[in-house]
Amino acid sequence: KIGDGELKPRLATEAAKEPQPELHIRGDKAVRYERVAQAMSAARETGVRKIGFITEPEPK
């Protein structure tokens, strides 16, 4: 987990790398979509170009 104050600086550091790593966002039912949208917005603002989502498969 990353706190609000360290999110943008950390994203900016990663965005400056070549090749740029992909940002993986893990879904969690307990987290409001607003928080996910904030993370995606921060990624875009800092120059992150690759965003992926990690999900857990539904149990059979």
PDB file of N, CA and C in Angstrom:
ATOM      1  N   LYS A   1       0.845  -1.185   0.000  1.00  0.00           N
ATOM      2  CA  LYS A   1       0.000   0.000   0.000  1.00  0.00           C
ATOM      3  C   LYS A   1       0.884   1.240   0.000  1.00  0.00           C
ATOM      4  N   ILE A   2       0.401   2.263  -0.685  1.00  0.00           N
ATOM      5  CA  ILE A   2       1.132   3.523  -0.787  1.00  0.00           C
ATOM      6  C   ILE A   2       0.215   4.640  -0.316  1.00  0.00           C
ATOM      7  N   GLY A   3       0.718   5.503   0.553  1.00  0.00           N
ATOM      8  CA  GLY A   3      -0.067   6.626   1.043  1.00  0.00           C
ATOM      9  C   GLY A   3      -0.236   7.703  -0.014  1.00  0.00           C
ATOM     10  N   ASP A   4      -1.229   8.561   0.186  1.00  0.00           N
ATOM     11  CA  ASP A   4      -1.528   9.632  -0.770  1.00  0.00           C
ATOM     12  C   ASP A   4      -0.318  10.524  -1.045  1.00  0.00           C
ATOM     13  N   GLY A   5       0.437  10.863  -0.016  1.00  0.00           N
ATOM     14  CA  GLY A   5       1.561  11.777  -0.171  1.00  0.00           C
ATOM     15  C   GLY A   5       2.730  11.213  -0.955  1.00  0.00           C
ATOM     16  N   GLU A   6       2.841   9.898  -1.006  1.00  0.00           N
ATOM     17  CA  GLU A   6       3.970   9.299  -1.723  1.00  0.00           C
ATOM     18  C   GLU A   6       3.589   8.735  -3.086  1.00  0.00           C
ATOM     19  N   LEU A   7       2.312   8.767  -3.454  1.00  0.00           N
ATOM     20  CA  LEU A   7       1.872   8.169  -4.717  1.00  0.00           C
ATOM     21  C   LEU A   7       2.460   8.871  -5.938  1.00  0.00           C
ATOM     22  N   LYS A   8       2.237  10.180  -6.068  1.00  0.00           N
ATOM     23  CA  LYS A   8       2.711  10.892  -7.262  1.00  0.00           C
ATOM     24  C   LYS A   8       4.235  10.879  -7.387  1.00  0.00           C
ATOM     25  N   PRO A   9       4.993  11.133  -6.309  1.00  0.00           N
ATOM     26  CA  PRO A   9       6.453  11.070  -6.456  1.00  0.00           C
ATOM     27  C   PRO A   9       6.940   9.687  -6.900  1.00  0.00           C
ATOM     28  N   ARG A  10       6.327   8.655  -6.371  1.00  0.00           N
ATOM     29  CA  ARG A  10       6.742   7.297  -6.752  1.00  0.00           C
ATOM     30  C   ARG A  10       6.371   6.997  -8.203  1.00  0.00           C
ATOM     31  N   LEU A  11       5.180   7.425  -8.618  1.00  0.00           N
ATOM     32  CA  LEU A  11       4.775   7.231 -10.012  1.00  0.00           C
ATOM     33  C   LEU A  11       5.696   7.994 -10.958  1.00  0.00           C
ATOM     34  N   ALA A  12       6.062   9.219 -10.588  1.00  0.00           N
ATOM     35  CA  ALA A  12       6.949  10.026 -11.430  1.00  0.00           C
ATOM     36  C   ALA A  12       8.312   9.355 -11.587  1.00  0.00           C
ATOM     37  N   THR A  13       8.818   8.766 -10.517  1.00  0.00           N
ATOM     38  CA  THR A  13      10.095   8.056 -10.577  1.00  0.00           C
ATOM     39  C   THR A  13      10.011   6.885 -11.545  1.00  0.00           C
ATOM     40  N   GLU A  14       8.919   6.131 -11.454  1.00  0.00           N
ATOM     41  CA  GLU A  14       8.748   4.976 -12.338  1.00  0.00           C
ATOM     42  C   GLU A  14       8.525   5.407 -13.785  1.00  0.00           C
ATOM     43  N   ALA A  15       7.795   6.500 -13.984  1.00  0.00           N
ATOM     44  CA  ALA A  15       7.499   6.981 -15.339  1.00  0.00           C
ATOM     45  C   ALA A  15       8.762   7.436 -16.062  1.00  0.00           C
ATOM     46  N   ALA A  16       9.781   7.851 -15.303  1.00  0.00           N
ATOM     47  CA  ALA A  16      11.024   8.344 -15.905  1.00  0.00           C
ATOM     48  C   ALA A  16      11.946   7.220 -16.366  1.00  0.00           C
ATOM     49  N   LYS A  17      11.651   5.987 -15.970  1.00  0.00           N
ATOM     50  CA  LYS A  17      12.507   4.857 -16.336  1.00  0.00           C
ATOM     51  C   LYS A  17      12.300   4.463 -17.793  1.00  0.00           C
ATOM     52  N   GLU A  18      13.371   3.956 -18.409  1.00  0.00           N
ATOM     53  CA  GLU A  18      13.305   3.415 -19.775  1.00  0.00           C
ATOM     54  C   GLU A  18      13.854   2.003 -19.757  1.00  0.00           C
ATOM     55  N   PRO A  19      13.129   1.010 -20.154  1.00  0.00           N
ATOM     56  CA  PRO A  19      11.736   1.128 -20.575  1.00  0.00           C
ATOM     57  C   PRO A  19      10.839   1.354 -19.366  1.00  0.00           C
ATOM     58  N   GLN A  20       9.748   2.024 -19.602  1.00  0.00           N
ATOM     59  CA  GLN A  20       8.819   2.341 -18.522  1.00  0.00           C
ATOM     60  C   GLN A  20       8.077   1.078 -18.080  1.00  0.00           C
ATOM     61  N   PRO A  21       8.084   0.800 -16.766  1.00  0.00           N
ATOM     62  CA  PRO A  21       7.351  -0.381 -16.298  1.00  0.00           C
ATOM     63  C   PRO A  21       5.839  -0.154 -16.375  1.00  0.00           C
ATOM     64  N   GLU A  22       5.097  -1.241 -16.363  1.00  0.00           N
ATOM     65  CA  GLU A  22       3.639  -1.160 -16.379  1.00  0.00           C
ATOM     66  C   GLU A  22       3.131  -1.027 -14.948  1.00  0.00           C
ATOM     67  N   LEU A  23       2.167  -0.148 -14.742  1.00  0.00           N
ATOM     68  CA  LEU A  23       1.520   0.013 -13.440  1.00  0.00           C
ATOM     69  C   LEU A  23       0.424  -1.034 -13.340  1.00  0.00           C
ATOM     70  N   HIS A  24       0.452  -1.843 -12.279  1.00  0.00           N
ATOM     71  CA  HIS A  24      -0.587  -2.847 -12.056  1.00  0.00           C
ATOM     72  C   HIS A  24      -1.461  -2.408 -10.890  1.00  0.00           C
ATOM     73  N   ILE A  25      -2.753  -2.350 -11.127  1.00  0.00           N
ATOM     74  CA  ILE A  25      -3.718  -1.996 -10.087  1.00  0.00           C
ATOM     75  C   ILE A  25      -4.501  -3.251  -9.744  1.00  0.00           C
ATOM     76  N   ARG A  26      -4.454  -3.632  -8.473  1.00  0.00           N
ATOM     77  CA  ARG A  26      -5.170  -4.825  -8.014  1.00  0.00           C
ATOM     78  C   ARG A  26      -6.541  -4.409  -7.484  1.00  0.00           C
ATOM     79  N   GLY A  27      -7.572  -5.011  -8.030  1.00  0.00           N
ATOM     80  CA  GLY A  27      -8.935  -4.706  -7.595  1.00  0.00           C
ATOM     81  C   GLY A  27      -9.212  -5.257  -6.206  1.00  0.00           C
ATOM     82  N   ASP A  28     -10.021  -4.545  -5.460  1.00  0.00           N
ATOM     83  CA  ASP A  28     -10.405  -4.960  -4.116  1.00  0.00           C
ATOM     84  C   ASP A  28     -11.820  -4.465  -3.880  1.00  0.00           C
ATOM     85  N   LYS A  29     -12.699  -5.365  -3.489  1.00  0.00           N
ATOM     86  CA  LYS A  29     -14.106  -4.992  -3.282  1.00  0.00           C
ATOM     87  C   LYS A  29     -14.280  -3.943  -2.189  1.00  0.00           C
ATOM     88  N   ALA A  30     -13.325  -3.879  -1.261  1.00  0.00           N
ATOM     89  CA  ALA A  30     -13.440  -2.944  -0.146  1.00  0.00           C
ATOM     90  C   ALA A  30     -13.023  -1.522  -0.520  1.00  0.00           C
ATOM     91  N   VAL A  31     -12.408  -1.346  -1.684  1.00  0.00           N
ATOM     92  CA  VAL A  31     -11.926  -0.026  -2.101  1.00  0.00           C
ATOM     93  C   VAL A  31     -12.942   0.614  -3.039  1.00  0.00           C
ATOM     94  N   ARG A  32     -13.286   1.854  -2.756  1.00  0.00           N
ATOM     95  CA  ARG A  32     -14.232   2.578  -3.606  1.00  0.00           C
ATOM     96  C   ARG A  32     -13.595   2.875  -4.959  1.00  0.00           C
ATOM     97  N   TYR A  33     -14.410   2.887  -6.007  1.00  0.00           N
ATOM     98  CA  TYR A  33     -13.901   3.156  -7.349  1.00  0.00           C
ATOM     99  C   TYR A  33     -13.238   4.532  -7.409  1.00  0.00           C
ATOM    100  N   GLU A  34     -13.716   5.459  -6.602  1.00  0.00           N
ATOM    101  CA  GLU A  34     -13.137   6.811  -6.564  1.00  0.00           C
ATOM    102  C   GLU A  34     -11.628   6.752  -6.306  1.00  0.00           C
ATOM    103  N   ARG A  35     -11.199   5.862  -5.420  1.00  0.00           N
ATOM    104  CA  ARG A  35      -9.766   5.727  -5.105  1.00  0.00           C
ATOM    105  C   ARG A  35      -8.993   5.172  -6.294  1.00  0.00           C
ATOM    106  N   VAL A  36      -9.599   4.219  -7.001  1.00  0.00           N
ATOM    107  CA  VAL A  36      -8.961   3.659  -8.197  1.00  0.00           C
ATOM    108  C   VAL A  36      -8.820   4.754  -9.255  1.00  0.00           C
ATOM    109  N   ALA A  37      -9.875   5.538  -9.437  1.00  0.00           N
ATOM    110  CA  ALA A  37      -9.848   6.631 -10.416  1.00  0.00           C
ATOM    111  C   ALA A  37      -8.781   7.660 -10.047  1.00  0.00           C
ATOM    112  N   GLN A  38      -8.610   7.940  -8.755  1.00  0.00           N
ATOM    113  CA  GLN A  38      -7.578   8.877  -8.312  1.00  0.00           C
ATOM    114  C   GLN A  38      -6.184   8.343  -8.650  1.00  0.00           C
ATOM    115  N   ALA A  39      -5.971   7.056  -8.450  1.00  0.00           N
ATOM    116  CA  ALA A  39      -4.672   6.454  -8.770  1.00  0.00           C
ATOM    117  C   ALA A  39      -4.411   6.515 -10.270  1.00  0.00           C
ATOM    118  N   MET A  40      -5.428   6.242 -11.066  1.00  0.00           N
ATOM    119  CA  MET A  40      -5.276   6.299 -12.522  1.00  0.00           C
ATOM    120  C   MET A  40      -4.998   7.730 -12.981  1.00  0.00           C
ATOM    121  N   SER A  41      -5.666   8.692 -12.374  1.00  0.00           N
ATOM    122  CA  SER A  41      -5.452  10.095 -12.713  1.00  0.00           C
ATOM    123  C   SER A  41      -4.028  10.525 -12.352  1.00  0.00           C
ATOM    124  N   ALA A  42      -3.572  10.115 -11.181  1.00  0.00           N
ATOM    125  CA  ALA A  42      -2.207  10.445 -10.753  1.00  0.00           C
ATOM    126  C   ALA A  42      -1.193   9.825 -11.710  1.00  0.00           C
ATOM    127  N   ALA A  43      -1.462   8.619 -12.165  1.00  0.00           N
ATOM    128  CA  ALA A  43      -0.562   7.960 -13.115  1.00  0.00           C
ATOM    129  C   ALA A  43      -0.490   8.752 -14.415  1.00  0.00           C
ATOM    130  N   ARG A  44      -1.624   9.165 -14.912  1.00  0.00           N
ATOM    131  CA  ARG A  44      -1.662   9.935 -16.165  1.00  0.00           C
ATOM    132  C   ARG A  44      -0.918  11.261 -16.000  1.00  0.00           C
ATOM    133  N   GLU A  45      -1.143  11.941 -14.874  1.00  0.00           N
ATOM    134  CA  GLU A  45      -0.511  13.241 -14.624  1.00  0.00           C
ATOM    135  C   GLU A  45       1.010  13.140 -14.529  1.00  0.00           C
ATOM    136  N   THR A  46       1.514  12.003 -14.091  1.00  0.00           N
ATOM    137  CA  THR A  46       2.963  11.849 -13.925  1.00  0.00           C
ATOM    138  C   THR A  46       3.632  11.205 -15.134  1.00  0.00           C
ATOM    139  N   GLY A  47       2.844  10.877 -16.158  1.00  0.00           N
ATOM    140  CA  GLY A  47       3.425  10.360 -17.392  1.00  0.00           C
ATOM    141  C   GLY A  47       3.452   8.854 -17.546  1.00  0.00           C
ATOM    142  N   VAL A  48       2.795   8.127 -16.653  1.00  0.00           N
ATOM    143  CA  VAL A  48       2.730   6.669 -16.796  1.00  0.00           C
ATOM    144  C   VAL A  48       1.865   6.351 -18.014  1.00  0.00           C
ATOM    145  N   ARG A  49       2.390   5.512 -18.912  1.00  0.00           N
ATOM    146  CA  ARG A  49       1.675   5.208 -20.155  1.00  0.00           C
ATOM    147  C   ARG A  49       1.006   3.842 -20.151  1.00  0.00           C
ATOM    148  N   LYS A  50       1.469   2.929 -19.298  1.00  0.00           N
ATOM    149  CA  LYS A  50       0.945   1.560 -19.315  1.00  0.00           C
ATOM    150  C   LYS A  50       0.298   1.243 -17.971  1.00  0.00           C
ATOM    151  N   ILE A  51      -1.003   0.983 -18.005  1.00  0.00           N
ATOM    152  CA  ILE A  51      -1.737   0.643 -16.784  1.00  0.00           C
ATOM    153  C   ILE A  51      -2.463  -0.671 -17.024  1.00  0.00           C
ATOM    154  N   GLY A  52      -2.296  -1.613 -16.115  1.00  0.00           N
ATOM    155  CA  GLY A  52      -2.982  -2.896 -16.201  1.00  0.00           C
ATOM    156  C   GLY A  52      -3.720  -3.175 -14.904  1.00  0.00           C
ATOM    157  N   PHE A  53      -4.726  -4.027 -14.989  1.00  0.00           N
ATOM    158  CA  PHE A  53      -5.509  -4.396 -13.815  1.00  0.00           C
ATOM    159  C   PHE A  53      -5.292  -5.868 -13.500  1.00  0.00           C
ATOM    160  N   ILE A  54      -5.151  -6.164 -12.221  1.00  0.00           N
ATOM    161  CA  ILE A  54      -4.982  -7.535 -11.763  1.00  0.00           C
ATOM    162  C   ILE A  54      -6.274  -7.931 -11.065  1.00  0.00           C
ATOM    163  N   THR A  55      -6.848  -9.043 -11.476  1.00  0.00           N
ATOM    164  CA  THR A  55      -8.075  -9.532 -10.851  1.00  0.00           C
ATOM    165  C   THR A  55      -7.885 -10.978 -10.432  1.00  0.00           C
ATOM    166  N   GLU A  56      -8.662 -11.391  -9.483  1.00  0.00           N
ATOM    167  CA  GLU A  56      -8.654 -12.782  -9.047  1.00  0.00           C
ATOM    168  C   GLU A  56      -9.766 -13.505  -9.797  1.00  0.00           C
ATOM    169  N   PRO A  57      -9.497 -14.705 -10.306  1.00  0.00           N
ATOM    170  CA  PRO A  57     -10.555 -15.437 -11.003  1.00  0.00           C
ATOM    171  C   PRO A  57     -11.671 -15.844 -10.044  1.00  0.00           C
ATOM    172  N   GLU A  58     -12.885 -15.907 -10.581  1.00  0.00           N
ATOM    173  CA  GLU A  58     -14.032 -16.344  -9.784  1.00  0.00           C
ATOM    174  C   GLU A  58     -13.846 -17.814  -9.424  1.00  0.00           C
ATOM    175  N   PRO A  59     -14.128 -18.189  -8.166  1.00  0.00           N
ATOM    176  CA  PRO A  59     -14.029 -19.609  -7.805  1.00  0.00           C
ATOM    177  C   PRO A  59     -15.104 -20.411  -8.541  1.00  0.00           C
ATOM    178  N   LYS A  60     -14.746 -21.620  -8.923  1.00  0.00           N
ATOM    179  CA  LYS A  60     -15.703 -22.464  -9.660  1.00  0.00           C
ATOM    180  C   LYS A  60     -16.526 -23.298  -8.733  1.00  0.00           C
TER     181      LYS A  60
END
